[in-house]
Amino acid sequence: MATNPLLQRLGIEHPILLSPMAGAGGTPELAAAVSDAGGLGAWGGAYAKPEEIAATIRQMRTLTRHPFNINLFAGGYGSAHAIDPQPMLELMGEAHAALGLPPPVLPPLPRDPFNEQLEAVIEERPPVFSFTFGVPSAAQIGALKARDIVVVGTATTVEEAIHLEQAGVDAIAAQGAEAGAHRGTFAGPFETSMVPLATLLREICTRLKLPVIACGGLMDGRDIAAALKLGAAAVQLGTAFLPCPESGAPAPYKQALLSAKQDTTVITRAFSGRPARGLSNRFIARVNSMVASGKEEFILPFRQQNDLTRPMRNAAGQKGVADYISLWAGQGVRRSRQMPATELVKTLLTEMSAAEVVRA
């Protein structure tokens, strides 16, 4: 299979990267399986403490001899606000009662842990570091590069890609509007960042010289071939890997993905306080009904909303109730399939080769 400078820099064989998927979906085992298959595995440490990040990087080195990526949120946290939490606490009380949980307790608005988390990454020196929701400082990017760590930033617009190029990243992950989970937007309102992946790829590849990684709704080898034809040096897939046995997604989440017969994804702030794409369910509908009734500013900021809904989401996963889980998914969700991660990588490569032959 043909290689390119990005794959050589990453030290991988195939242009298939795993999305980091911070939270239950991404696991070190899933990341290692993708790396062992010749792609680039990834683990999202955004919700982990620095010592947990360090321990996971060390664990990754025992699971795979191949390169892997560690991802963090470089911003995006809410600041002091004047939102009355009572309406949200009342709504959460309904969900807790339905799941047999005690009444919810308002968590504090957490401070951004990025600086301390990044110190752990720099110390442990993973092969690749990626980030989203912002841009690290010049000193931080310099420290990463001094440790010979490949640095990848996330852009949802060409303007953000230019910011990243100026910051000195090695590659850009272009997140199209089709992408599942959180929007990585950092240089404007998320509404202006909803650029279809094909358009975003063309714009970034035309304006910048950096290698681009395509992300957003990609599910099979035909999608990969199409993204590479548009100029991407590699692709990044998340939803496609969630049903894999190595994924940490709870059983009702995996079943919801595999049962999807059409794209029922929506952009919502209901679960975390930050815009994210996932399958519509009862909790999202309940939040939307409150917004429609005039309570526009009752969703708490990121990550306070995320921390508030975590007990509900965890309990729902354990009890098998998909209506109270953040079912993050890209727009290609109806093409979800279940197989081990190594087998999925092989399948994607076979499909990609077939699609390239047809186009030729």
Protein backbone atom coordinates (compact mmCIF):
# COMPACT_ATOMS: atom_id res chain seq x y z
CA MET A 1 0.00 0.00 0.00
CA ALA A 2 1.29 3.47 -0.90
CA THR A 3 2.61 5.55 1.98
CA ASN A 4 3.00 9.31 2.40
CA PRO A 5 5.06 11.68 4.57
CA LEU A 6 2.43 11.78 7.33
CA LEU A 7 2.29 8.00 7.68
CA GLN A 8 6.09 7.91 7.71
CA ARG A 9 6.20 10.61 10.39
CA LEU A 10 3.61 8.77 12.48
CA GLY A 11 5.42 5.47 11.95
CA ILE A 12 2.33 3.59 10.77
CA GLU A 13 1.51 1.43 7.76
CA HIS A 14 -2.10 2.35 6.96
CA PRO A 15 -3.92 5.72 6.75
CA ILE A 16 -6.48 4.67 9.39
CA LEU A 17 -6.52 6.51 12.72
CA LEU A 18 -8.78 5.80 15.68
CA SER A 19 -10.65 8.76 17.16
CA PRO A 20 -9.61 9.26 20.81
CA MET A 21 -13.17 9.13 22.21
CA ALA A 22 -12.54 10.36 25.75
CA GLY A 23 -14.89 8.63 28.16
CA ALA A 24 -16.28 5.10 28.13
CA GLY A 25 -15.92 4.39 24.41
CA GLY A 26 -12.17 4.66 24.03
CA THR A 27 -9.98 2.14 25.84
CA PRO A 28 -6.25 1.33 25.81
CA GLU A 29 -7.18 -2.13 24.49
CA LEU A 30 -9.05 -0.67 21.51
CA ALA A 31 -6.21 1.73 20.78
CA ALA A 32 -3.63 -1.06 20.95
CA ALA A 33 -5.66 -3.27 18.60
CA VAL A 34 -5.82 -0.53 15.95
CA SER A 35 -2.10 0.19 16.32
CA ASP A 36 -1.24 -3.51 16.05
CA ALA A 37 -3.30 -3.66 12.83
CA GLY A 38 -1.06 -1.01 11.26
CA GLY A 39 -3.17 2.06 11.98
CA LEU A 40 -2.80 4.61 14.76
CA GLY A 41 -4.65 3.84 17.96
CA ALA A 42 -5.69 6.67 20.24
CA TRP A 43 -6.84 7.20 23.81
CA GLY A 44 -8.61 10.31 25.09
CA GLY A 45 -7.38 11.40 28.51
CA ALA A 46 -9.38 14.61 28.82
CA TYR A 47 -11.36 13.40 31.85
CA ALA A 48 -8.39 11.72 33.54
CA LYS A 49 -6.07 12.99 36.24
CA PRO A 50 -2.39 13.53 35.33
CA GLU A 51 -1.30 10.41 37.20
CA GLU A 52 -3.97 8.37 35.37
CA ILE A 53 -2.75 9.71 32.04
CA ALA A 54 0.83 8.78 32.88
CA ALA A 55 -0.22 5.28 33.97
CA THR A 56 -2.26 4.75 30.80
CA ILE A 57 0.62 5.78 28.54
CA ARG A 58 2.81 3.25 30.34
CA GLN A 59 0.07 0.65 29.98
CA MET A 60 -0.19 1.37 26.27
CA ARG A 61 3.48 0.54 25.87
CA THR A 62 2.83 -2.89 27.38
CA LEU A 63 -0.16 -3.48 25.09
CA THR A 64 1.46 -2.51 21.78
CA ARG A 65 4.93 -2.02 20.33
CA HIS A 66 3.51 0.33 17.72
CA PRO A 67 2.86 4.11 17.78
CA PHE A 68 -0.24 5.48 19.49
CA ASN A 69 -1.86 8.85 20.15
CA ILE A 70 -2.89 10.56 23.41
CA ASN A 71 -5.55 13.27 23.16
CA LEU A 72 -6.57 16.12 25.50
CA PHE A 73 -8.99 19.05 25.52
CA ALA A 74 -6.93 22.24 25.09
CA GLY A 75 -9.67 24.55 26.35
CA GLY A 76 -13.44 24.67 26.11
CA TYR A 77 -14.17 24.91 29.83
CA GLY A 78 -16.91 27.27 31.00
CA SER A 79 -16.19 30.15 33.34
CA ALA A 80 -18.24 31.84 36.05
CA HIS A 81 -21.85 32.16 34.97
CA ALA A 82 -25.24 33.39 36.15
CA ILE A 83 -27.37 30.42 35.07
CA ASP A 84 -29.91 29.31 37.67
CA PRO A 85 -29.16 25.56 38.15
CA GLN A 86 -32.56 24.74 39.66
CA PRO A 87 -34.44 23.93 36.40
CA MET A 88 -31.67 21.54 35.34
CA LEU A 89 -31.55 19.95 38.78
CA GLU A 90 -35.30 19.38 38.61
CA LEU A 91 -34.99 17.74 35.19
CA MET A 92 -32.10 15.61 36.42
CA GLY A 93 -34.20 14.66 39.43
CA GLU A 94 -36.75 13.13 37.05
CA ALA A 95 -34.06 11.09 35.32
CA HIS A 96 -32.52 9.99 38.62
CA ALA A 97 -35.91 8.87 39.90
CA ALA A 98 -36.50 6.84 36.72
CA LEU A 99 -33.15 5.08 37.23
CA GLY A 100 -33.54 4.57 40.97
CA LEU A 101 -30.78 7.05 41.86
CA PRO A 102 -30.73 9.50 44.79
CA PRO A 103 -31.51 13.17 43.98
CA PRO A 104 -28.77 14.89 41.96
CA VAL A 105 -26.21 17.16 43.60
CA LEU A 106 -24.88 20.22 41.77
CA PRO A 107 -21.17 19.66 41.07
CA PRO A 108 -18.76 22.60 41.21
CA LEU A 109 -17.68 24.32 38.00
CA PRO A 110 -14.30 22.60 37.48
CA ARG A 111 -11.18 24.43 36.46
CA ASP A 112 -9.38 23.53 33.27
CA PRO A 113 -6.85 20.73 34.04
CA PHE A 114 -5.06 20.92 30.68
CA ASN A 115 -1.72 22.33 31.87
CA GLU A 116 -1.22 19.62 34.48
CA GLN A 117 -2.44 16.90 32.12
CA LEU A 118 -0.07 18.05 29.39
CA GLU A 119 2.88 17.92 31.78
CA ALA A 120 2.15 14.22 32.29
CA VAL A 121 2.03 13.70 28.51
CA ILE A 122 5.32 15.49 27.97
CA GLU A 123 6.97 13.53 30.76
CA GLU A 124 5.77 10.16 29.46
CA ARG A 125 6.51 11.02 25.83
CA PRO A 126 3.89 9.15 23.75
CA PRO A 127 4.65 8.98 20.01
CA VAL A 128 1.73 11.27 19.09
CA PHE A 129 -0.25 13.94 20.92
CA SER A 130 -3.47 15.46 19.59
CA PHE A 131 -5.80 18.09 20.99
CA THR A 132 -9.15 19.75 20.43
CA PHE A 133 -11.27 22.67 21.77
CA GLY A 134 -8.37 25.14 21.49
CA VAL A 135 -4.65 25.61 20.89
CA PRO A 136 -1.82 25.02 23.40
CA SER A 137 0.67 27.82 23.99
CA ALA A 138 3.77 28.18 21.84
CA ALA A 139 5.86 27.03 24.82
CA GLN A 140 3.74 23.90 25.24
CA ILE A 141 3.94 22.97 21.57
CA GLY A 142 7.66 23.63 21.69
CA ALA A 143 8.02 21.32 24.70
CA LEU A 144 6.14 18.56 22.89
CA LYS A 145 8.32 18.88 19.81
CA ALA A 146 11.47 18.94 21.93
CA ARG A 147 10.45 15.46 23.08
CA ASP A 148 9.96 14.40 19.42
CA ILE A 149 6.20 14.00 19.90
CA VAL A 150 4.12 14.43 16.74
CA VAL A 151 1.52 17.16 17.36
CA VAL A 152 -1.95 17.13 15.76
CA GLY A 153 -4.59 19.83 16.23
CA THR A 154 -8.32 19.76 15.45
CA ALA A 155 -9.96 22.30 13.12
CA THR A 156 -13.60 22.67 12.14
CA THR A 157 -13.02 25.61 9.77
CA VAL A 158 -10.23 26.73 7.47
CA GLU A 159 -9.66 29.70 9.79
CA GLU A 160 -8.98 27.35 12.68
CA ALA A 161 -6.65 25.32 10.49
CA ILE A 162 -4.65 28.48 9.78
CA HIS A 163 -4.42 29.15 13.54
CA LEU A 164 -3.07 25.63 14.02
CA GLU A 165 -0.55 25.98 11.21
CA GLN A 166 0.72 29.20 12.74
CA ALA A 167 0.97 27.46 16.12
CA GLY A 168 3.35 24.90 14.64
CA VAL A 169 1.39 21.64 14.59
CA ASP A 170 2.59 18.76 12.42
CA ALA A 171 -0.84 17.85 11.03
CA ILE A 172 -4.46 18.96 11.16
CA ALA A 173 -7.47 16.79 11.96
CA ALA A 174 -10.26 18.34 9.87
CA GLN A 175 -13.56 17.66 11.68
CA GLY A 176 -16.48 17.86 9.30
CA ALA A 177 -20.05 18.63 10.31
CA GLU A 178 -20.89 14.91 10.03
CA ALA A 179 -18.61 13.98 12.95
CA GLY A 180 -19.96 12.34 16.07
CA ALA A 181 -19.36 13.57 19.63
CA HIS A 182 -18.10 17.02 20.60
CA ARG A 183 -17.50 19.75 18.08
CA GLY A 184 -13.88 20.89 18.28
CA THR A 185 -14.70 24.50 17.40
CA PHE A 186 -12.57 27.10 19.17
CA ALA A 187 -12.42 30.22 16.98
CA GLY A 188 -16.10 31.12 16.69
CA PRO A 189 -19.62 29.89 17.41
CA PHE A 190 -20.15 26.23 16.58
CA GLU A 191 -22.97 27.12 14.16
CA THR A 192 -20.39 28.64 11.80
CA SER A 193 -18.26 25.48 11.99
CA MET A 194 -20.81 23.07 10.55
CA VAL A 195 -18.88 22.64 7.31
CA PRO A 196 -19.37 19.35 5.40
CA LEU A 197 -16.20 17.27 5.46
CA ALA A 198 -15.69 17.28 1.69
CA THR A 199 -15.85 21.08 1.61
CA LEU A 200 -13.61 21.45 4.64
CA LEU A 201 -11.00 19.12 3.14
CA ARG A 202 -10.92 21.01 -0.14
CA GLU A 203 -10.56 24.37 1.59
CA ILE A 204 -7.83 23.31 4.01
CA CYS A 205 -5.86 21.31 1.44
CA THR A 206 -6.00 24.26 -0.95
CA ARG A 207 -4.92 26.87 1.62
CA LEU A 208 -2.38 24.97 3.72
CA LYS A 209 0.63 22.75 3.09
CA LEU A 210 0.28 20.68 6.26
CA PRO A 211 -1.01 17.10 5.99
CA VAL A 212 -4.72 16.79 6.76
CA ILE A 213 -6.54 13.98 8.55
CA ALA A 214 -10.20 13.66 7.55
CA CYS A 215 -12.78 13.11 10.33
CA GLY A 216 -16.55 13.01 10.23
CA GLY A 217 -19.06 10.30 9.40
CA LEU A 218 -16.51 7.96 7.80
CA MET A 219 -17.60 4.35 8.21
CA ASP A 220 -16.22 2.15 5.44
CA GLY A 221 -13.45 1.80 2.89
CA ARG A 222 -15.34 3.71 0.24
CA ASP A 223 -15.51 6.70 2.59
CA ILE A 224 -11.78 6.42 3.20
CA ALA A 225 -10.95 6.26 -0.51
CA ALA A 226 -13.12 9.30 -1.18
CA ALA A 227 -11.44 11.33 1.58
CA LEU A 228 -7.97 10.41 0.33
CA LYS A 229 -8.97 11.38 -3.21
CA LEU A 230 -9.98 14.83 -1.88
CA GLY A 231 -6.47 15.35 -0.49
CA ALA A 232 -6.50 13.84 2.99
CA ALA A 233 -3.28 12.12 4.02
CA ALA A 234 -5.19 9.85 6.41
CA VAL A 235 -8.62 9.42 7.99
CA GLN A 236 -9.86 9.21 11.57
CA LEU A 237 -12.83 7.01 12.54
CA GLY A 238 -14.67 6.82 15.85
CA THR A 239 -18.26 5.61 15.46
CA ALA A 240 -17.12 2.72 13.26
CA PHE A 241 -15.02 1.31 16.11
CA LEU A 242 -17.50 1.78 18.97
CA PRO A 243 -19.29 -1.57 18.43
CA CYS A 244 -15.97 -3.46 18.58
CA PRO A 245 -15.56 -5.79 21.57
CA GLU A 246 -12.48 -3.82 22.66
CA SER A 247 -14.57 -0.65 22.97
CA GLY A 248 -15.70 0.42 26.43
CA ALA A 249 -19.10 1.62 25.23
CA PRO A 250 -21.88 0.05 27.35
CA ALA A 251 -24.01 -2.66 25.74
CA PRO A 252 -27.12 -0.47 25.18
CA TYR A 253 -24.93 2.12 23.43
CA LYS A 254 -23.49 -0.48 21.06
CA GLN A 255 -26.95 -1.89 20.40
CA ALA A 256 -28.33 1.56 19.60
CA LEU A 257 -25.56 2.05 17.02
CA LEU A 258 -26.11 -1.34 15.42
CA SER A 259 -29.90 -0.88 15.38
CA ALA A 260 -29.82 2.53 13.68
CA LYS A 261 -31.50 2.21 10.29
CA GLN A 262 -31.14 5.87 9.38
CA ASP A 263 -29.34 8.99 10.57
CA THR A 264 -31.20 10.15 13.66
CA THR A 265 -28.26 12.12 15.03
CA VAL A 266 -28.67 15.63 16.39
CA ILE A 267 -26.38 18.31 17.77
CA THR A 268 -27.07 18.76 21.47
CA ARG A 269 -25.64 20.39 24.58
CA ALA A 270 -27.88 18.30 26.83
CA PHE A 271 -25.30 15.90 28.20
CA SER A 272 -22.12 17.96 28.53
CA GLY A 273 -22.92 21.63 28.05
CA ARG A 274 -20.93 21.66 24.80
CA PRO A 275 -22.35 21.00 21.30
CA ALA A 276 -21.95 17.33 20.34
CA ARG A 277 -23.53 14.99 17.81
CA GLY A 278 -25.31 11.83 18.95
CA LEU A 279 -28.37 9.68 18.46
CA SER A 280 -31.55 11.38 19.62
CA ASN A 281 -33.12 9.85 22.74
CA ARG A 282 -35.57 10.63 25.55
CA PHE A 283 -33.21 12.78 27.59
CA ILE A 284 -32.31 14.99 24.61
CA ALA A 285 -36.03 15.34 23.78
CA ARG A 286 -36.78 16.34 27.37
CA VAL A 287 -34.08 19.00 27.33
CA ASN A 288 -35.31 20.25 23.95
CA SER A 289 -38.83 20.58 25.30
CA MET A 290 -37.59 22.79 28.12
CA VAL A 291 -35.66 24.93 25.64
CA ALA A 292 -38.82 25.23 23.53
CA SER A 293 -40.77 26.34 26.57
CA GLY A 294 -38.47 29.33 26.97
CA LYS A 295 -35.76 28.02 29.30
CA GLU A 296 -33.00 28.70 26.77
CA GLU A 297 -30.26 29.32 29.33
CA PHE A 298 -30.74 26.47 31.74
CA ILE A 299 -28.06 24.09 30.42
CA LEU A 300 -24.95 24.43 32.57
CA PRO A 301 -21.55 25.11 31.01
CA PHE A 302 -18.99 22.49 30.04
CA ARG A 303 -17.82 20.56 32.12
CA GLN A 304 -20.26 21.21 34.94
CA GLN A 305 -23.17 19.85 32.88
CA ASN A 306 -21.07 16.83 31.96
CA ASP A 307 -20.26 16.13 35.61
CA LEU A 308 -23.92 16.57 36.60
CA THR A 309 -25.15 14.04 34.03
CA ARG A 310 -22.39 11.48 34.63
CA PRO A 311 -24.16 9.50 37.41
CA MET A 312 -27.25 9.28 35.19
CA ARG A 313 -25.25 8.11 32.19
CA ASN A 314 -23.27 5.56 34.18
CA ALA A 315 -26.37 4.10 35.81
CA ALA A 316 -28.20 3.97 32.48
CA GLY A 317 -25.30 2.06 30.93
CA GLN A 318 -25.36 -0.47 33.77
CA LYS A 319 -29.14 -0.87 33.65
CA GLY A 320 -29.31 -1.07 29.85
CA VAL A 321 -31.37 2.11 29.37
CA ALA A 322 -30.18 3.90 26.23
CA ASP A 323 -32.55 6.84 26.74
CA TYR A 324 -30.27 8.35 29.37
CA ILE A 325 -26.87 7.73 27.71
CA SER A 326 -24.96 10.17 25.51
CA LEU A 327 -25.06 8.06 22.34
CA TRP A 328 -22.36 9.98 20.46
CA ALA A 329 -22.34 9.00 16.79
CA GLY A 330 -21.51 10.39 13.38
CA GLN A 331 -23.97 10.73 10.51
CA GLY A 332 -22.86 7.43 8.97
CA VAL A 333 -24.16 5.51 12.00
CA ARG A 334 -26.63 3.39 10.02
CA ARG A 335 -23.63 1.57 8.51
CA SER A 336 -22.32 0.44 11.91
CA ARG A 337 -21.14 -3.17 12.13
CA GLN A 338 -19.66 -5.33 14.84
CA MET A 339 -16.34 -7.13 14.65
CA PRO A 340 -12.97 -7.09 16.44
CA ALA A 341 -10.94 -3.95 15.80
CA THR A 342 -8.15 -5.76 13.96
CA GLU A 343 -10.69 -7.38 11.64
CA LEU A 344 -12.39 -4.03 11.07
CA VAL A 345 -9.11 -2.43 10.00
CA LYS A 346 -8.51 -5.28 7.54
CA THR A 347 -12.06 -4.94 6.20
CA LEU A 348 -11.66 -1.19 5.76
CA LEU A 349 -8.43 -1.69 3.83
CA THR A 350 -10.03 -4.28 1.55
CA GLU A 351 -12.98 -2.00 0.86
CA MET A 352 -10.68 0.95 0.28
CA SER A 353 -8.60 -0.96 -2.26
CA ALA A 354 -11.74 -2.10 -4.06
CA ALA A 355 -13.09 1.45 -4.20
CA GLU A 356 -9.79 2.74 -5.58
CA VAL A 357 -9.83 0.09 -8.32
CA VAL A 358 -13.39 1.04 -9.31
CA ARG A 359 -12.49 4.73 -9.48
CA ALA A 360 -9.42 3.95 -11.60
